[in-house]
């Protein structure tokens, strides 16, 4: 069974963006240093395409509590 994939986009103080992706409830992946929000959104679209092929739903986390989902 495919696990839920949750992501969050973090706006850093230096103007760059980070993408945090949580697979299920345990595995965290981070891509950091995107120069524009458009770059992050392109990466999220790639993530959605990939996870859809695996049958895993992709959900955006609206709070910054991605590291502590419980």
PDB file of N, CA and C in Angstrom:
ATOM      1  N   UNK A   1       0.838  -1.183   0.000  1.00  0.00           N
ATOM      2  CA  UNK A   1       0.000   0.000   0.000  1.00  0.00           C
ATOM      3  C   UNK A   1       0.887   1.251   0.000  1.00  0.00           C
ATOM      4  N   UNK A   2       0.570   2.179  -0.859  1.00  0.00           N
ATOM      5  CA  UNK A   2       1.353   3.412  -0.952  1.00  0.00           C
ATOM      6  C   UNK A   2       1.130   4.288   0.272  1.00  0.00           C
ATOM      7  N   UNK A   3       2.197   4.912   0.710  1.00  0.00           N
ATOM      8  CA  UNK A   3       2.111   5.805   1.862  1.00  0.00           C
ATOM      9  C   UNK A   3       1.802   7.217   1.407  1.00  0.00           C
ATOM     10  N   UNK A   4       1.184   7.962   2.274  1.00  0.00           N
ATOM     11  CA  UNK A   4       0.883   9.362   1.997  1.00  0.00           C
ATOM     12  C   UNK A   4       2.173  10.173   1.973  1.00  0.00           C
ATOM     13  N   UNK A   5       2.254  11.108   1.049  1.00  0.00           N
ATOM     14  CA  UNK A   5       3.405  11.991   0.922  1.00  0.00           C
ATOM     15  C   UNK A   5       2.939  13.410   1.242  1.00  0.00           C
ATOM     16  N   UNK A   6       3.593  14.024   2.221  1.00  0.00           N
ATOM     17  CA  UNK A   6       3.245  15.372   2.649  1.00  0.00           C
ATOM     18  C   UNK A   6       4.429  16.282   2.368  1.00  0.00           C
ATOM     19  N   UNK A   7       4.147  17.472   1.842  1.00  0.00           N
ATOM     20  CA  UNK A   7       5.248  18.390   1.576  1.00  0.00           C
ATOM     21  C   UNK A   7       4.947  19.774   2.132  1.00  0.00           C
ATOM     22  N   UNK A   8       6.013  20.517   2.329  1.00  0.00           N
ATOM     23  CA  UNK A   8       5.909  21.892   2.796  1.00  0.00           C
ATOM     24  C   UNK A   8       6.973  22.720   2.085  1.00  0.00           C
ATOM     25  N   UNK A   9       6.602  23.932   1.705  1.00  0.00           N
ATOM     26  CA  UNK A   9       7.547  24.873   1.106  1.00  0.00           C
ATOM     27  C   UNK A   9       7.902  25.898   2.162  1.00  0.00           C
ATOM     28  N   UNK A  10       9.193  26.055   2.407  1.00  0.00           N
ATOM     29  CA  UNK A  10       9.669  26.970   3.451  1.00  0.00           C
ATOM     30  C   UNK A  10      10.383  28.140   2.795  1.00  0.00           C
ATOM     31  N   UNK A  11       9.942  29.343   3.135  1.00  0.00           N
ATOM     32  CA  UNK A  11      10.552  30.578   2.640  1.00  0.00           C
ATOM     33  C   UNK A  11      11.671  30.952   3.613  1.00  0.00           C
ATOM     34  N   UNK A  12      12.920  30.874   3.172  1.00  0.00           N
ATOM     35  CA  UNK A  12      14.057  31.167   4.035  1.00  0.00           C
ATOM     36  C   UNK A  12      14.314  32.672   4.114  1.00  0.00           C
ATOM     37  N   UNK A  13      15.008  33.094   5.143  1.00  0.00           N
ATOM     38  CA  UNK A  13      15.274  34.517   5.360  1.00  0.00           C
ATOM     39  C   UNK A  13      16.165  35.138   4.284  1.00  0.00           C
ATOM     40  N   UNK A  14      16.936  34.310   3.574  1.00  0.00           N
ATOM     41  CA  UNK A  14      17.813  34.837   2.517  1.00  0.00           C
ATOM     42  C   UNK A  14      17.113  34.935   1.159  1.00  0.00           C
ATOM     43  N   UNK A  15      15.797  34.643   1.137  1.00  0.00           N
ATOM     44  CA  UNK A  15      15.031  34.740  -0.101  1.00  0.00           C
ATOM     45  C   UNK A  15      14.932  33.443  -0.874  1.00  0.00           C
ATOM     46  N   UNK A  16      15.648  32.429  -0.449  1.00  0.00           N
ATOM     47  CA  UNK A  16      15.579  31.129  -1.111  1.00  0.00           C
ATOM     48  C   UNK A  16      14.433  30.311  -0.523  1.00  0.00           C
ATOM     49  N   UNK A  17      14.157  29.186  -1.171  1.00  0.00           N
ATOM     50  CA  UNK A  17      13.068  28.325  -0.738  1.00  0.00           C
ATOM     51  C   UNK A  17      13.579  26.909  -0.529  1.00  0.00           C
ATOM     52  N   UNK A  18      12.999  26.230   0.447  1.00  0.00           N
ATOM     53  CA  UNK A  18      13.298  24.828   0.711  1.00  0.00           C
ATOM     54  C   UNK A  18      12.029  24.021   0.517  1.00  0.00           C
ATOM     55  N   UNK A  19      12.182  22.784   0.100  1.00  0.00           N
ATOM     56  CA  UNK A  19      11.070  21.857  -0.050  1.00  0.00           C
ATOM     57  C   UNK A  19      11.314  20.688   0.901  1.00  0.00           C
ATOM     58  N   UNK A  20      10.406  20.502   1.845  1.00  0.00           N
ATOM     59  CA  UNK A  20      10.480  19.391   2.792  1.00  0.00           C
ATOM     60  C   UNK A  20       9.400  18.391   2.420  1.00  0.00           C
ATOM     61  N   UNK A  21       9.774  17.123   2.289  1.00  0.00           N
ATOM     62  CA  UNK A  21       8.846  16.074   1.886  1.00  0.00           C
ATOM     63  C   UNK A  21       8.908  14.957   2.916  1.00  0.00           C
ATOM     64  N   UNK A  22       7.745  14.607   3.450  1.00  0.00           N
ATOM     65  CA  UNK A  22       7.648  13.544   4.441  1.00  0.00           C
ATOM     66  C   UNK A  22       6.927  12.362   3.816  1.00  0.00           C
ATOM     67  N   UNK A  23       7.611  11.221   3.751  1.00  0.00           N
ATOM     68  CA  UNK A  23       7.031   9.997   3.212  1.00  0.00           C
ATOM     69  C   UNK A  23       6.467   9.190   4.368  1.00  0.00           C
ATOM     70  N   UNK A  24       5.164   8.980   4.353  1.00  0.00           N
ATOM     71  CA  UNK A  24       4.528   8.305   5.477  1.00  0.00           C
ATOM     72  C   UNK A  24       4.664   9.161   6.712  1.00  0.00           C
ATOM     73  N   UNK A  25       5.093   8.561   7.790  1.00  0.00           N
ATOM     74  CA  UNK A  25       5.275   9.302   9.043  1.00  0.00           C
ATOM     75  C   UNK A  25       6.727   9.284   9.500  1.00  0.00           C
ATOM     76  N   UNK A  26       7.639   8.781   8.662  1.00  0.00           N
ATOM     77  CA  UNK A  26       8.994   8.562   9.157  1.00  0.00           C
ATOM     78  C   UNK A  26      10.133   9.123   8.327  1.00  0.00           C
ATOM     79  N   UNK A  27      10.018   9.141   7.025  1.00  0.00           N
ATOM     80  CA  UNK A  27      11.168   9.460   6.178  1.00  0.00           C
ATOM     81  C   UNK A  27      11.049  10.897   5.653  1.00  0.00           C
ATOM     82  N   UNK A  28      11.987  11.743   6.044  1.00  0.00           N
ATOM     83  CA  UNK A  28      11.997  13.137   5.630  1.00  0.00           C
ATOM     84  C   UNK A  28      13.077  13.353   4.573  1.00  0.00           C
ATOM     85  N   UNK A  29      12.685  13.991   3.479  1.00  0.00           N
ATOM     86  CA  UNK A  29      13.620  14.379   2.430  1.00  0.00           C
ATOM     87  C   UNK A  29      13.569  15.889   2.309  1.00  0.00           C
ATOM     88  N   UNK A  30      14.713  16.514   2.120  1.00  0.00           N
ATOM     89  CA  UNK A  30      14.758  17.968   1.981  1.00  0.00           C
ATOM     90  C   UNK A  30      15.537  18.341   0.730  1.00  0.00           C
ATOM     91  N   UNK A  31      14.995  19.272  -0.030  1.00  0.00           N
ATOM     92  CA  UNK A  31      15.700  19.900  -1.146  1.00  0.00           C
ATOM     93  C   UNK A  31      15.776  21.368  -0.776  1.00  0.00           C
ATOM     94  N   UNK A  32      16.950  21.895  -0.706  1.00  0.00           N
ATOM     95  CA  UNK A  32      17.123  23.259  -0.219  1.00  0.00           C
ATOM     96  C   UNK A  32      17.770  24.160  -1.272  1.00  0.00           C
ATOM     97  N   UNK A  33      17.586  25.462  -1.081  1.00  0.00           N
ATOM     98  CA  UNK A  33      18.288  26.436  -1.882  1.00  0.00           C
ATOM     99  C   UNK A  33      17.675  26.784  -3.223  1.00  0.00           C
ATOM    100  N   UNK A  34      16.385  26.525  -3.410  1.00  0.00           N
ATOM    101  CA  UNK A  34      15.741  26.941  -4.654  1.00  0.00           C
ATOM    102  C   UNK A  34      15.742  28.463  -4.704  1.00  0.00           C
ATOM    103  N   UNK A  35      16.087  29.015  -5.854  1.00  0.00           N
ATOM    104  CA  UNK A  35      16.184  30.470  -5.996  1.00  0.00           C
ATOM    105  C   UNK A  35      14.819  31.135  -6.153  1.00  0.00           C
ATOM    106  N   UNK A  36      13.859  30.435  -6.760  1.00  0.00           N
ATOM    107  CA  UNK A  36      12.538  31.023  -6.977  1.00  0.00           C
ATOM    108  C   UNK A  36      11.445  30.056  -6.551  1.00  0.00           C
ATOM    109  N   UNK A  37      10.289  30.611  -6.266  1.00  0.00           N
ATOM    110  CA  UNK A  37       9.130  29.791  -5.927  1.00  0.00           C
ATOM    111  C   UNK A  37       8.724  28.942  -7.126  1.00  0.00           C
ATOM    112  N   UNK A  38       8.911  29.456  -8.312  1.00  0.00           N
ATOM    113  CA  UNK A  38       8.597  28.715  -9.527  1.00  0.00           C
ATOM    114  C   UNK A  38       9.412  27.422  -9.625  1.00  0.00           C
ATOM    115  N   UNK A  39      10.676  27.472  -9.238  1.00  0.00           N
ATOM    116  CA  UNK A  39      11.518  26.268  -9.239  1.00  0.00           C
ATOM    117  C   UNK A  39      10.965  25.220  -8.278  1.00  0.00           C
ATOM    118  N   UNK A  40      10.526  25.662  -7.108  1.00  0.00           N
ATOM    119  CA  UNK A  40       9.966  24.736  -6.120  1.00  0.00           C
ATOM    120  C   UNK A  40       8.676  24.127  -6.653  1.00  0.00           C
ATOM    121  N   UNK A  41       7.828  24.949  -7.258  1.00  0.00           N
ATOM    122  CA  UNK A  41       6.563  24.448  -7.798  1.00  0.00           C
ATOM    123  C   UNK A  41       6.795  23.436  -8.913  1.00  0.00           C
ATOM    124  N   UNK A  42       7.817  23.646  -9.730  1.00  0.00           N
ATOM    125  CA  UNK A  42       8.170  22.658 -10.753  1.00  0.00           C
ATOM    126  C   UNK A  42       8.584  21.338 -10.109  1.00  0.00           C
ATOM    127  N   UNK A  43       9.341  21.421  -9.036  1.00  0.00           N
ATOM    128  CA  UNK A  43       9.780  20.224  -8.313  1.00  0.00           C
ATOM    129  C   UNK A  43       8.585  19.488  -7.698  1.00  0.00           C
ATOM    130  N   UNK A  44       7.626  20.241  -7.170  1.00  0.00           N
ATOM    131  CA  UNK A  44       6.421  19.643  -6.586  1.00  0.00           C
ATOM    132  C   UNK A  44       5.616  18.941  -7.676  1.00  0.00           C
ATOM    133  N   UNK A  45       5.512  19.539  -8.850  1.00  0.00           N
ATOM    134  CA  UNK A  45       4.792  18.892  -9.959  1.00  0.00           C
ATOM    135  C   UNK A  45       5.461  17.574 -10.350  1.00  0.00           C
ATOM    136  N   UNK A  46       6.804  17.563 -10.372  1.00  0.00           N
ATOM    137  CA  UNK A  46       7.530  16.323 -10.648  1.00  0.00           C
ATOM    138  C   UNK A  46       7.227  15.285  -9.559  1.00  0.00           C
ATOM    139  N   UNK A  47       7.227  15.736  -8.301  1.00  0.00           N
ATOM    140  CA  UNK A  47       6.914  14.847  -7.176  1.00  0.00           C
ATOM    141  C   UNK A  47       5.506  14.268  -7.326  1.00  0.00           C
ATOM    142  N   UNK A  48       4.554  15.108  -7.679  1.00  0.00           N
ATOM    143  CA  UNK A  48       3.167  14.641  -7.873  1.00  0.00           C
ATOM    144  C   UNK A  48       3.098  13.592  -8.988  1.00  0.00           C
ATOM    145  N   UNK A  49       3.756  13.846 -10.101  1.00  0.00           N
ATOM    146  CA  UNK A  49       3.759  12.886 -11.210  1.00  0.00           C
ATOM    147  C   UNK A  49       4.356  11.551 -10.779  1.00  0.00           C
ATOM    148  N   UNK A  50       5.474  11.611 -10.094  1.00  0.00           N
ATOM    149  CA  UNK A  50       6.157  10.403  -9.638  1.00  0.00           C
ATOM    150  C   UNK A  50       5.307   9.624  -8.634  1.00  0.00           C
ATOM    151  N   UNK A  51       4.758  10.315  -7.657  1.00  0.00           N
ATOM    152  CA  UNK A  51       3.975   9.652  -6.616  1.00  0.00           C
ATOM    153  C   UNK A  51       2.636   9.136  -7.159  1.00  0.00           C
ATOM    154  N   UNK A  52       2.053   9.834  -8.124  1.00  0.00           N
ATOM    155  CA  UNK A  52       0.823   9.350  -8.749  1.00  0.00           C
ATOM    156  C   UNK A  52       1.073   8.012  -9.438  1.00  0.00           C
ATOM    157  N   UNK A  53       2.219   7.888 -10.083  1.00  0.00           N
ATOM    158  CA  UNK A  53       2.577   6.627 -10.734  1.00  0.00           C
ATOM    159  C   UNK A  53       2.716   5.493  -9.721  1.00  0.00           C
ATOM    160  N   UNK A  54       3.064   5.843  -8.486  1.00  0.00           N
ATOM    161  CA  UNK A  54       3.213   4.852  -7.415  1.00  0.00           C
ATOM    162  C   UNK A  54       1.923   4.654  -6.624  1.00  0.00           C
ATOM    163  N   UNK A  55       0.912   5.469  -6.912  1.00  0.00           N
ATOM    164  CA  UNK A  55      -0.351   5.357  -6.195  1.00  0.00           C
ATOM    165  C   UNK A  55      -0.361   6.051  -4.844  1.00  0.00           C
ATOM    166  N   UNK A  56       0.589   6.941  -4.604  1.00  0.00           N
ATOM    167  CA  UNK A  56       0.686   7.626  -3.314  1.00  0.00           C
ATOM    168  C   UNK A  56       0.096   9.036  -3.420  1.00  0.00           C
ATOM    169  N   UNK A  57      -0.825   9.372  -2.525  1.00  0.00           N
ATOM    170  CA  UNK A  57      -1.370  10.725  -2.545  1.00  0.00           C
ATOM    171  C   UNK A  57      -0.348  11.745  -2.047  1.00  0.00           C
ATOM    172  N   UNK A  58      -0.347  12.925  -2.667  1.00  0.00           N
ATOM    173  CA  UNK A  58       0.559  14.004  -2.279  1.00  0.00           C
ATOM    174  C   UNK A  58      -0.286  15.141  -1.716  1.00  0.00           C
ATOM    175  N   UNK A  59       0.044  15.562  -0.492  1.00  0.00           N
ATOM    176  CA  UNK A  59      -0.734  16.574   0.209  1.00  0.00           C
ATOM    177  C   UNK A  59       0.197  17.670   0.690  1.00  0.00           C
ATOM    178  N   UNK A  60      -0.224  18.935   0.525  1.00  0.00           N
ATOM    179  CA  UNK A  60       0.577  20.048   1.037  1.00  0.00           C
ATOM    180  C   UNK A  60       0.233  20.288   2.496  1.00  0.00           C
ATOM    181  N   UNK A  61       1.257  20.350   3.323  1.00  0.00           N
ATOM    182  CA  UNK A  61       1.111  20.649   4.742  1.00  0.00           C
ATOM    183  C   UNK A  61       1.010  22.163   4.880  1.00  0.00           C
ATOM    184  N   UNK A  62      -0.064  22.647   5.498  1.00  0.00           N
ATOM    185  CA  UNK A  62      -0.253  24.091   5.601  1.00  0.00           C
ATOM    186  C   UNK A  62       0.435  24.693   6.815  1.00  0.00           C
ATOM    187  N   UNK A  63       0.729  23.894   7.808  1.00  0.00           N
ATOM    188  CA  UNK A  63       1.448  24.415   8.972  1.00  0.00           C
ATOM    189  C   UNK A  63       2.933  24.096   8.820  1.00  0.00           C
ATOM    190  N   UNK A  64       3.737  24.673   9.678  1.00  0.00           N
ATOM    191  CA  UNK A  64       5.183  24.402   9.653  1.00  0.00           C
ATOM    192  C   UNK A  64       5.554  23.256  10.581  1.00  0.00           C
ATOM    193  N   UNK A  65       4.569  22.445  10.970  1.00  0.00           N
ATOM    194  CA  UNK A  65       4.804  21.369  11.919  1.00  0.00           C
ATOM    195  C   UNK A  65       5.025  20.043  11.202  1.00  0.00           C
ATOM    196  N   UNK A  66       5.682  20.068  10.064  1.00  0.00           N
ATOM    197  CA  UNK A  66       5.899  18.866   9.262  1.00  0.00           C
ATOM    198  C   UNK A  66       6.748  17.837   9.999  1.00  0.00           C
ATOM    199  N   UNK A  67       7.674  18.295  10.827  1.00  0.00           N
ATOM    200  CA  UNK A  67       8.559  17.362  11.515  1.00  0.00           C
ATOM    201  C   UNK A  67       7.872  16.640  12.666  1.00  0.00           C
ATOM    202  N   UNK A  68       6.765  17.159  13.154  1.00  0.00           N
ATOM    203  CA  UNK A  68       6.008  16.543  14.256  1.00  0.00           C
ATOM    204  C   UNK A  68       4.545  16.440  13.864  1.00  0.00           C
ATOM    205  N   UNK A  69       4.187  15.483  12.983  1.00  0.00           N
ATOM    206  CA  UNK A  69       2.823  15.423  12.461  1.00  0.00           C
ATOM    207  C   UNK A  69       1.773  14.989  13.487  1.00  0.00           C
ATOM    208  N   UNK A  70       2.146  14.419  14.596  1.00  0.00           N
ATOM    209  CA  UNK A  70       1.153  13.944  15.582  1.00  0.00           C
ATOM    210  C   UNK A  70       0.717  15.012  16.519  1.00  0.00           C
TER     211      UNK A  70
END
